[in-house]
Amino acid sequence: MAAQQTASSPSLSPAQRSEGTGCPVHDLRRRLRQAGLRPTRQRVGLGWLLFAKGDRHLTAEMLYEEAAKARVPVSLATVYNTLHQFTEAGLLREVAVDGAKTYFDTNTGDHHHFFLEGENALVDIAHQQVEVSAIPEAPPGYEVARVDVIVRLRKIGA
């Protein structure tokens, strides 16, 4: 039903993956530079936590907790700033679930999500599994950039 999260990163093309040096930190620094970001110590530390575990969905608070456990010295404000910089650079995709709940997705490819209510978790849905039709025409001066579908799930009997 749902596409499972994988260890490889589909957000990189096969050519980009094959360009790696084999040194994860060096490759992350190169990836940040290619995205137009200076590889500061904090960006590299947070980038390592984000991208080393394959495709995943994290809130800023979740990443901040991981950084604290990994002894990456960053403030919550730095985590928020870095996530937004990575998103603007195309390294992450922002997924707004509720007005107050935003996740950052390391899979920037075309896909949708299940939101598991009660667990506060996102699970990928392959874009081929969702059919969207009758999208309204964008107002003058605008174009549709992307359509995000979030299917909310709750356990039966909950």
C-alpha atoms as a PDB file:
ATOM      1  CA  MET A   1       0.000   0.000   0.000  1.00  0.00           C
ATOM      2  CA  ALA A   2       2.431   2.703   1.134  1.00  0.00           C
ATOM      3  CA  ALA A   3       5.894   2.974  -0.277  1.00  0.00           C
ATOM      4  CA  GLN A   4       8.311   2.089   2.473  1.00  0.00           C
ATOM      5  CA  GLN A   5      11.136   4.390   3.407  1.00  0.00           C
ATOM      6  CA  THR A   6      14.383   3.173   1.942  1.00  0.00           C
ATOM      7  CA  ALA A   7      18.001   3.480   2.908  1.00  0.00           C
ATOM      8  CA  SER A   8      19.028   4.919  -0.455  1.00  0.00           C
ATOM      9  CA  SER A   9      18.125   8.501  -1.192  1.00  0.00           C
ATOM     10  CA  PRO A  10      15.856   8.911  -4.226  1.00  0.00           C
ATOM     11  CA  SER A  11      16.261  12.656  -3.862  1.00  0.00           C
ATOM     12  CA  LEU A  12      19.643  12.222  -5.566  1.00  0.00           C
ATOM     13  CA  SER A  13      19.881  11.121  -9.170  1.00  0.00           C
ATOM     14  CA  PRO A  14      21.923   7.973  -9.911  1.00  0.00           C
ATOM     15  CA  ALA A  15      24.599  10.220 -11.442  1.00  0.00           C
ATOM     16  CA  GLN A  16      24.757  12.325  -8.262  1.00  0.00           C
ATOM     17  CA  ARG A  17      24.980   9.190  -6.095  1.00  0.00           C
ATOM     18  CA  SER A  18      27.795   7.787  -8.225  1.00  0.00           C
ATOM     19  CA  GLU A  19      29.763  11.050  -7.976  1.00  0.00           C
ATOM     20  CA  GLY A  20      30.362  10.429  -4.278  1.00  0.00           C
ATOM     21  CA  THR A  21      33.845   9.984  -2.950  1.00  0.00           C
ATOM     22  CA  GLY A  22      32.874   7.341  -0.432  1.00  0.00           C
ATOM     23  CA  CYS A  23      33.519   9.720   2.456  1.00  0.00           C
ATOM     24  CA  PRO A  24      30.052  10.648   3.784  1.00  0.00           C
ATOM     25  CA  VAL A  25      31.173  13.932   5.351  1.00  0.00           C
ATOM     26  CA  HIS A  26      33.067  15.020   2.223  1.00  0.00           C
ATOM     27  CA  ASP A  27      30.081  14.074   0.051  1.00  0.00           C
ATOM     28  CA  LEU A  28      27.712  16.026   2.311  1.00  0.00           C
ATOM     29  CA  ARG A  29      29.970  19.099   2.134  1.00  0.00           C
ATOM     30  CA  ARG A  30      30.000  18.804  -1.674  1.00  0.00           C
ATOM     31  CA  ARG A  31      26.223  18.418  -1.734  1.00  0.00           C
ATOM     32  CA  LEU A  32      25.779  21.555   0.388  1.00  0.00           C
ATOM     33  CA  ARG A  33      28.126  23.545  -1.868  1.00  0.00           C
ATOM     34  CA  GLN A  34      26.254  22.342  -4.980  1.00  0.00           C
ATOM     35  CA  ALA A  35      23.028  23.592  -3.364  1.00  0.00           C
ATOM     36  CA  GLY A  36      24.629  27.011  -2.826  1.00  0.00           C
ATOM     37  CA  LEU A  37      25.135  26.595   0.932  1.00  0.00           C
ATOM     38  CA  ARG A  38      28.389  27.053   2.802  1.00  0.00           C
ATOM     39  CA  PRO A  39      29.168  23.804   4.683  1.00  0.00           C
ATOM     40  CA  THR A  40      29.397  25.243   8.193  1.00  0.00           C
ATOM     41  CA  ARG A  41      29.979  22.940  11.150  1.00  0.00           C
ATOM     42  CA  GLN A  42      26.306  23.208  12.166  1.00  0.00           C
ATOM     43  CA  ARG A  43      24.978  22.537   8.643  1.00  0.00           C
ATOM     44  CA  VAL A  44      27.246  19.531   8.250  1.00  0.00           C
ATOM     45  CA  GLY A  45      26.296  18.185  11.685  1.00  0.00           C
ATOM     46  CA  LEU A  46      22.561  18.612  11.072  1.00  0.00           C
ATOM     47  CA  GLY A  47      22.891  17.398   7.477  1.00  0.00           C
ATOM     48  CA  TRP A  48      24.605  14.258   8.690  1.00  0.00           C
ATOM     49  CA  LEU A  49      21.752  13.573  11.120  1.00  0.00           C
ATOM     50  CA  LEU A  50      19.155  14.265   8.409  1.00  0.00           C
ATOM     51  CA  PHE A  51      20.574  12.375   5.446  1.00  0.00           C
ATOM     52  CA  ALA A  52      22.650   9.528   6.906  1.00  0.00           C
ATOM     53  CA  LYS A  53      19.576   7.414   7.734  1.00  0.00           C
ATOM     54  CA  GLY A  54      17.907   7.468   4.317  1.00  0.00           C
ATOM     55  CA  ASP A  55      14.478   8.926   3.618  1.00  0.00           C
ATOM     56  CA  ARG A  56      12.736  10.234   6.700  1.00  0.00           C
ATOM     57  CA  HIS A  57      10.303  12.800   8.031  1.00  0.00           C
ATOM     58  CA  LEU A  58      11.354  15.009  10.945  1.00  0.00           C
ATOM     59  CA  THR A  59      10.070  18.046  12.766  1.00  0.00           C
ATOM     60  CA  ALA A  60      12.525  20.679  13.945  1.00  0.00           C
ATOM     61  CA  GLU A  61      11.997  19.492  17.504  1.00  0.00           C
ATOM     62  CA  MET A  62      12.771  15.883  16.566  1.00  0.00           C
ATOM     63  CA  LEU A  63      16.001  16.941  14.829  1.00  0.00           C
ATOM     64  CA  TYR A  64      16.942  19.134  17.792  1.00  0.00           C
ATOM     65  CA  GLU A  65      16.537  16.122  20.133  1.00  0.00           C
ATOM     66  CA  GLU A  66      18.668  13.960  17.813  1.00  0.00           C
ATOM     67  CA  ALA A  67      21.321  16.674  17.709  1.00  0.00           C
ATOM     68  CA  ALA A  68      21.405  16.880  21.503  1.00  0.00           C
ATOM     69  CA  LYS A  69      21.786  13.088  21.798  1.00  0.00           C
ATOM     70  CA  ALA A  70      24.550  13.134  19.152  1.00  0.00           C
ATOM     71  CA  ARG A  71      26.245  16.052  20.944  1.00  0.00           C
ATOM     72  CA  VAL A  72      25.891  18.385  17.969  1.00  0.00           C
ATOM     73  CA  PRO A  73      25.932  21.804  19.669  1.00  0.00           C
ATOM     74  CA  VAL A  74      23.046  23.738  18.070  1.00  0.00           C
ATOM     75  CA  SER A  75      20.127  25.787  19.330  1.00  0.00           C
ATOM     76  CA  LEU A  76      16.536  25.106  18.317  1.00  0.00           C
ATOM     77  CA  ALA A  77      16.613  28.390  16.354  1.00  0.00           C
ATOM     78  CA  THR A  78      19.635  27.128  14.386  1.00  0.00           C
ATOM     79  CA  VAL A  79      17.794  23.891  13.642  1.00  0.00           C
ATOM     80  CA  TYR A  80      14.786  25.830  12.306  1.00  0.00           C
ATOM     81  CA  ASN A  81      17.009  28.148  10.236  1.00  0.00           C
ATOM     82  CA  THR A  82      18.990  25.227   8.794  1.00  0.00           C
ATOM     83  CA  LEU A  83      15.860  23.255   7.899  1.00  0.00           C
ATOM     84  CA  HIS A  84      14.429  26.265   6.075  1.00  0.00           C
ATOM     85  CA  GLN A  85      17.747  26.910   4.289  1.00  0.00           C
ATOM     86  CA  PHE A  86      17.928  23.258   3.206  1.00  0.00           C
ATOM     87  CA  THR A  87      14.319  23.456   1.995  1.00  0.00           C
ATOM     88  CA  GLU A  88      14.955  26.632  -0.018  1.00  0.00           C
ATOM     89  CA  ALA A  89      18.048  24.987  -1.535  1.00  0.00           C
ATOM     90  CA  GLY A  90      15.990  21.965  -2.624  1.00  0.00           C
ATOM     91  CA  LEU A  91      17.597  19.483  -0.220  1.00  0.00           C
ATOM     92  CA  LEU A  92      14.414  19.000   1.808  1.00  0.00           C
ATOM     93  CA  ARG A  93      10.694  19.179   1.214  1.00  0.00           C
ATOM     94  CA  GLU A  94       8.441  20.883   3.741  1.00  0.00           C
ATOM     95  CA  VAL A  95       5.206  19.039   4.530  1.00  0.00           C
ATOM     96  CA  ALA A  96       2.623  21.014   6.508  1.00  0.00           C
ATOM     97  CA  VAL A  97       0.297  18.583   8.267  1.00  0.00           C
ATOM     98  CA  ASP A  98      -1.516  21.048  10.514  1.00  0.00           C
ATOM     99  CA  GLY A  99      -1.029  24.753  11.006  1.00  0.00           C
ATOM    100  CA  ALA A 100       1.223  24.005  13.956  1.00  0.00           C
ATOM    101  CA  LYS A 101       2.879  20.783  12.706  1.00  0.00           C
ATOM    102  CA  THR A 102       5.451  20.881   9.926  1.00  0.00           C
ATOM    103  CA  TYR A 103       7.629  17.983   8.879  1.00  0.00           C
ATOM    104  CA  PHE A 104      10.748  18.098   6.743  1.00  0.00           C
ATOM    105  CA  ASP A 105      11.116  15.249   4.257  1.00  0.00           C
ATOM    106  CA  THR A 106      14.516  14.138   2.969  1.00  0.00           C
ATOM    107  CA  ASN A 107      12.788  12.593  -0.064  1.00  0.00           C
ATOM    108  CA  THR A 108      12.298  15.532  -2.428  1.00  0.00           C
ATOM    109  CA  GLY A 109      10.922  13.333  -5.224  1.00  0.00           C
ATOM    110  CA  ASP A 110       7.292  13.309  -6.346  1.00  0.00           C
ATOM    111  CA  HIS A 111       5.186  11.499  -3.722  1.00  0.00           C
ATOM    112  CA  HIS A 112       2.384  11.939  -1.203  1.00  0.00           C
ATOM    113  CA  HIS A 113       1.875  10.970   2.443  1.00  0.00           C
ATOM    114  CA  PHE A 114      -0.169   9.074   4.957  1.00  0.00           C
ATOM    115  CA  PHE A 115      -0.350  10.878   8.313  1.00  0.00           C
ATOM    116  CA  LEU A 116      -0.755   8.433  11.192  1.00  0.00           C
ATOM    117  CA  GLU A 117      -2.910  10.261  13.715  1.00  0.00           C
ATOM    118  CA  GLY A 118      -2.027   9.482  17.309  1.00  0.00           C
ATOM    119  CA  GLU A 119       1.482   8.517  16.239  1.00  0.00           C
ATOM    120  CA  ASN A 120       2.275  11.866  14.600  1.00  0.00           C
ATOM    121  CA  ALA A 121       4.179  10.141  11.833  1.00  0.00           C
ATOM    122  CA  LEU A 122       4.282  10.420   8.045  1.00  0.00           C
ATOM    123  CA  VAL A 123       4.641   7.484   5.647  1.00  0.00           C
ATOM    124  CA  ASP A 124       5.369   7.927   1.943  1.00  0.00           C
ATOM    125  CA  ILE A 125       2.811   7.054  -0.727  1.00  0.00           C
ATOM    126  CA  ALA A 126       4.189   6.597  -4.244  1.00  0.00           C
ATOM    127  CA  HIS A 127       2.831   9.306  -6.543  1.00  0.00           C
ATOM    128  CA  GLN A 128       1.487   6.641  -8.925  1.00  0.00           C
ATOM    129  CA  GLN A 129      -0.880   5.428  -6.194  1.00  0.00           C
ATOM    130  CA  VAL A 130      -2.750   8.743  -6.025  1.00  0.00           C
ATOM    131  CA  GLU A 131      -4.789  10.164  -8.875  1.00  0.00           C
ATOM    132  CA  VAL A 132      -5.543  13.878  -8.689  1.00  0.00           C
ATOM    133  CA  SER A 133      -7.920  15.321 -11.241  1.00  0.00           C
ATOM    134  CA  ALA A 134      -9.706  18.611 -11.848  1.00  0.00           C
ATOM    135  CA  ILE A 135      -7.020  20.851 -10.392  1.00  0.00           C
ATOM    136  CA  PRO A 136      -8.297  24.425 -10.599  1.00  0.00           C
ATOM    137  CA  GLU A 137      -6.534  26.825 -12.919  1.00  0.00           C
ATOM    138  CA  ALA A 138      -3.991  28.995 -11.135  1.00  0.00           C
ATOM    139  CA  PRO A 139      -4.735  32.737 -10.901  1.00  0.00           C
ATOM    140  CA  PRO A 140      -2.990  35.029 -13.406  1.00  0.00           C
ATOM    141  CA  GLY A 141       0.717  35.330 -12.678  1.00  0.00           C
ATOM    142  CA  TYR A 142       0.891  32.001 -10.829  1.00  0.00           C
ATOM    143  CA  GLU A 143       1.533  28.382 -11.710  1.00  0.00           C
ATOM    144  CA  VAL A 144       0.881  25.172  -9.795  1.00  0.00           C
ATOM    145  CA  ALA A 145       4.218  24.196  -8.278  1.00  0.00           C
ATOM    146  CA  ARG A 146       3.168  20.952  -6.654  1.00  0.00           C
ATOM    147  CA  VAL A 147       0.090  19.156  -5.333  1.00  0.00           C
ATOM    148  CA  ASP A 148       0.485  17.567  -1.915  1.00  0.00           C
ATOM    149  CA  VAL A 149      -1.969  14.900  -0.826  1.00  0.00           C
ATOM    150  CA  ILE A 150      -2.024  13.919   2.844  1.00  0.00           C
ATOM    151  CA  VAL A 151      -4.268  10.991   3.738  1.00  0.00           C
ATOM    152  CA  ARG A 152      -4.966  10.916   7.465  1.00  0.00           C
ATOM    153  CA  LEU A 153      -5.160   7.486   9.073  1.00  0.00           C
ATOM    154  CA  ARG A 154      -6.283   6.456  12.540  1.00  0.00           C
ATOM    155  CA  LYS A 155      -6.335   3.016  14.085  1.00  0.00           C
ATOM    156  CA  ILE A 156      -9.700   1.311  14.007  1.00  0.00           C
ATOM    157  CA  GLY A 157     -11.425   1.673  17.363  1.00  0.00           C
ATOM    158  CA  ALA A 158      -9.277   4.625  18.420  1.00  0.00           C
END
